[in-house]
């Protein structure tokens, strides 16, 4: 049996420790021993991008924001759907996550990050939202396991009423705001509606036809 190879470790600004592993050609990021994401299970990240970006394929100059680079699958899927005139801002808070994806020794998101449509920022996505009123046609937030299953305490403000309102205010008219979550969350859905958003939830699998189920919250300004 092949062993997990520990490649690197990084500490987020709030002290959370992220560890990068490789096993049998796949890559994993774990937090305190709990798998946060992997290259073997990314169907839900692809679905997150599709929900937001497919409707923008015919837009002349769509602008989208991705909160959380992860292992690059949301970005990769978004680029496949968006036109050549798109502008894709990616916010990642942990410098090492960017380094891992750019590392030519790892088969991650280096090619996607080199796409001329991509504006990669070492930044807190919440700060970008606050500074970007009516700036984006689509926003995809996949910065943790969701409002009820946080692994990084600093991400909690994204799921508060004020955080939701900042995200909503960053949308252009008709834009979509989508959150990835490890679990269903009736309280968070209620908070989205309380902020004046229309909300649809979608259950998607880790793989196309197998694996665990995750929840996508898709919101629009009413």
Foldseek 3Di string as FASTA:
>chain_A
DWDKAWDDWFAFPQGWIWTWIDTPQKIFIDTPNHTFDIPVFCVVLLVLLCVAQQVQQPPPEFEEEEEACAQNPNLVSNVVRHDLNYAYEYEAQTVVRVVQQCDPVHPTPNVSCPRPNYDYDNDHVLVVLQVAFQNHQEYEYEHAQDQVHGSRVVCNCCQALVNLLSNQRNHHANHKYKYKHADDDPVSLVSNVVNQWDWDKDWAASDNPDHDIIIMIMIHHD
